[in-house]
Amino acid sequence: MKCIICKNTIETIFLNKILGTYIKDQKGKRQVVCFECQKKFSSKSDMMAQIK
């Protein structure tokens, strides 16, 4: 999986869990955000503003 913001590959751990989070966009589609971008942009609205 790749981060929707920085396009880096996200590491998966036990049972294919990711080191990051999922957010839903305006259409209801789940997007993947890595741990580093999650630390940079703390709120969901900040993360959504970065997605182009």
N, C-alpha and C. Protein backbone atom coordinates (compact mmCIF):
# COMPACT_ATOMS: atom_id res chain seq x y z
N MET A 1 0.84 -1.18 0.00
CA MET A 1 0.00 0.00 0.00
C MET A 1 0.88 1.24 0.00
N LYS A 2 0.36 2.29 -0.57
CA LYS A 2 1.09 3.55 -0.63
C LYS A 2 0.28 4.65 0.03
N CYS A 3 0.98 5.57 0.67
CA CYS A 3 0.34 6.72 1.31
C CYS A 3 -0.24 7.63 0.24
N ILE A 4 -1.44 8.12 0.45
CA ILE A 4 -2.11 8.98 -0.52
C ILE A 4 -1.47 10.38 -0.56
N ILE A 5 -0.79 10.79 0.52
CA ILE A 5 -0.20 12.13 0.59
C ILE A 5 1.23 12.15 0.05
N CYS A 6 2.11 11.30 0.61
CA CYS A 6 3.53 11.35 0.25
C CYS A 6 3.95 10.27 -0.75
N LYS A 7 3.07 9.34 -1.07
CA LYS A 7 3.31 8.26 -2.03
C LYS A 7 4.38 7.27 -1.60
N ASN A 8 4.77 7.24 -0.32
CA ASN A 8 5.72 6.26 0.18
C ASN A 8 5.00 4.96 0.50
N THR A 9 5.73 3.86 0.45
CA THR A 9 5.15 2.56 0.77
C THR A 9 4.94 2.46 2.27
N ILE A 10 3.78 1.95 2.67
CA ILE A 10 3.44 1.80 4.08
C ILE A 10 3.74 0.37 4.50
N GLU A 11 4.43 0.25 5.62
CA GLU A 11 4.81 -1.06 6.14
C GLU A 11 3.60 -1.76 6.76
N THR A 12 3.48 -3.04 6.48
CA THR A 12 2.42 -3.84 7.09
C THR A 12 3.02 -4.70 8.19
N ILE A 13 2.24 -4.95 9.23
CA ILE A 13 2.71 -5.76 10.34
C ILE A 13 1.83 -7.01 10.44
N PHE A 14 1.81 -7.63 11.56
CA PHE A 14 1.09 -8.87 11.80
C PHE A 14 -0.35 -8.79 11.32
N LEU A 15 -0.79 -9.82 10.61
CA LEU A 15 -2.15 -9.93 10.05
C LEU A 15 -2.50 -8.80 9.10
N ASN A 16 -1.51 -8.31 8.35
CA ASN A 16 -1.68 -7.26 7.33
C ASN A 16 -2.24 -5.96 7.86
N LYS A 17 -1.96 -5.64 9.12
CA LYS A 17 -2.32 -4.32 9.64
C LYS A 17 -1.26 -3.34 9.18
N ILE A 18 -1.65 -2.09 8.98
CA ILE A 18 -0.71 -1.09 8.47
C ILE A 18 -0.23 -0.20 9.60
N LEU A 19 0.96 0.40 9.39
CA LEU A 19 1.48 1.40 10.32
C LEU A 19 1.02 2.75 9.80
N GLY A 20 -0.19 3.10 10.09
CA GLY A 20 -0.81 4.32 9.62
C GLY A 20 -2.29 4.28 9.94
N THR A 21 -3.07 4.99 9.14
CA THR A 21 -4.51 5.04 9.39
C THR A 21 -5.26 5.13 8.08
N TYR A 22 -6.53 4.88 8.16
CA TYR A 22 -7.44 5.04 7.03
C TYR A 22 -8.30 6.28 7.28
N ILE A 23 -8.53 7.07 6.23
CA ILE A 23 -9.48 8.18 6.32
C ILE A 23 -10.44 8.05 5.13
N LYS A 24 -11.63 8.57 5.29
CA LYS A 24 -12.61 8.54 4.20
C LYS A 24 -12.64 9.90 3.52
N ASP A 25 -12.63 9.90 2.19
CA ASP A 25 -12.72 11.16 1.45
C ASP A 25 -14.18 11.57 1.29
N GLN A 26 -14.44 12.59 0.48
CA GLN A 26 -15.78 13.11 0.32
C GLN A 26 -16.73 12.10 -0.32
N LYS A 27 -16.20 11.21 -1.14
CA LYS A 27 -17.02 10.22 -1.82
C LYS A 27 -17.25 8.98 -0.97
N GLY A 28 -16.61 8.90 0.21
CA GLY A 28 -16.76 7.76 1.09
C GLY A 28 -15.74 6.66 0.85
N LYS A 29 -14.77 6.90 -0.02
CA LYS A 29 -13.74 5.91 -0.32
C LYS A 29 -12.64 5.98 0.74
N ARG A 30 -12.17 4.82 1.20
CA ARG A 30 -11.10 4.79 2.20
C ARG A 30 -9.76 5.09 1.55
N GLN A 31 -9.01 6.00 2.15
CA GLN A 31 -7.67 6.35 1.70
C GLN A 31 -6.69 6.00 2.81
N VAL A 32 -5.46 5.64 2.45
CA VAL A 32 -4.46 5.22 3.42
C VAL A 32 -3.47 6.37 3.64
N VAL A 33 -3.17 6.64 4.92
CA VAL A 33 -2.22 7.68 5.29
C VAL A 33 -1.15 7.05 6.17
N CYS A 34 0.13 7.30 5.87
CA CYS A 34 1.22 6.70 6.64
C CYS A 34 1.38 7.39 8.00
N PHE A 35 2.17 6.77 8.85
CA PHE A 35 2.38 7.25 10.20
C PHE A 35 3.06 8.62 10.21
N GLU A 36 4.02 8.85 9.31
CA GLU A 36 4.74 10.14 9.27
C GLU A 36 3.81 11.28 8.88
N CYS A 37 2.97 11.06 7.88
CA CYS A 37 2.02 12.10 7.46
C CYS A 37 0.96 12.32 8.53
N GLN A 38 0.62 11.27 9.25
CA GLN A 38 -0.35 11.38 10.32
C GLN A 38 0.20 12.25 11.45
N LYS A 39 1.52 12.18 11.69
CA LYS A 39 2.14 13.03 12.71
C LYS A 39 2.21 14.48 12.23
N LYS A 40 2.49 14.70 10.93
CA LYS A 40 2.59 16.05 10.39
C LYS A 40 1.24 16.77 10.39
N PHE A 41 0.22 16.07 9.92
CA PHE A 41 -1.12 16.65 9.78
C PHE A 41 -2.04 15.96 10.78
N SER A 42 -2.24 16.58 11.93
CA SER A 42 -2.91 15.90 13.04
C SER A 42 -4.42 15.74 12.86
N SER A 43 -5.07 16.63 12.15
CA SER A 43 -6.52 16.51 12.00
C SER A 43 -6.89 15.97 10.62
N LYS A 44 -8.08 15.43 10.52
CA LYS A 44 -8.54 14.86 9.26
C LYS A 44 -8.67 15.93 8.18
N SER A 45 -9.10 17.12 8.57
CA SER A 45 -9.26 18.19 7.58
C SER A 45 -7.91 18.62 7.01
N ASP A 46 -6.84 18.61 7.83
CA ASP A 46 -5.51 18.92 7.32
C ASP A 46 -5.04 17.87 6.32
N MET A 47 -5.31 16.61 6.64
CA MET A 47 -4.91 15.52 5.73
C MET A 47 -5.68 15.61 4.42
N MET A 48 -6.98 15.91 4.50
CA MET A 48 -7.78 15.99 3.28
C MET A 48 -7.35 17.16 2.40
N ALA A 49 -6.86 18.23 3.01
CA ALA A 49 -6.39 19.37 2.24
C ALA A 49 -5.13 19.03 1.44
N GLN A 50 -4.34 18.08 1.92
CA GLN A 50 -3.09 17.69 1.25
C GLN A 50 -3.33 16.74 0.08
N ILE A 51 -4.47 16.06 0.05
CA ILE A 51 -4.78 15.12 -1.01
C ILE A 51 -5.20 15.90 -2.25
N LYS A 52 -4.58 15.60 -3.37
CA LYS A 52 -4.91 16.29 -4.60
C LYS A 52 -5.41 15.33 -5.63
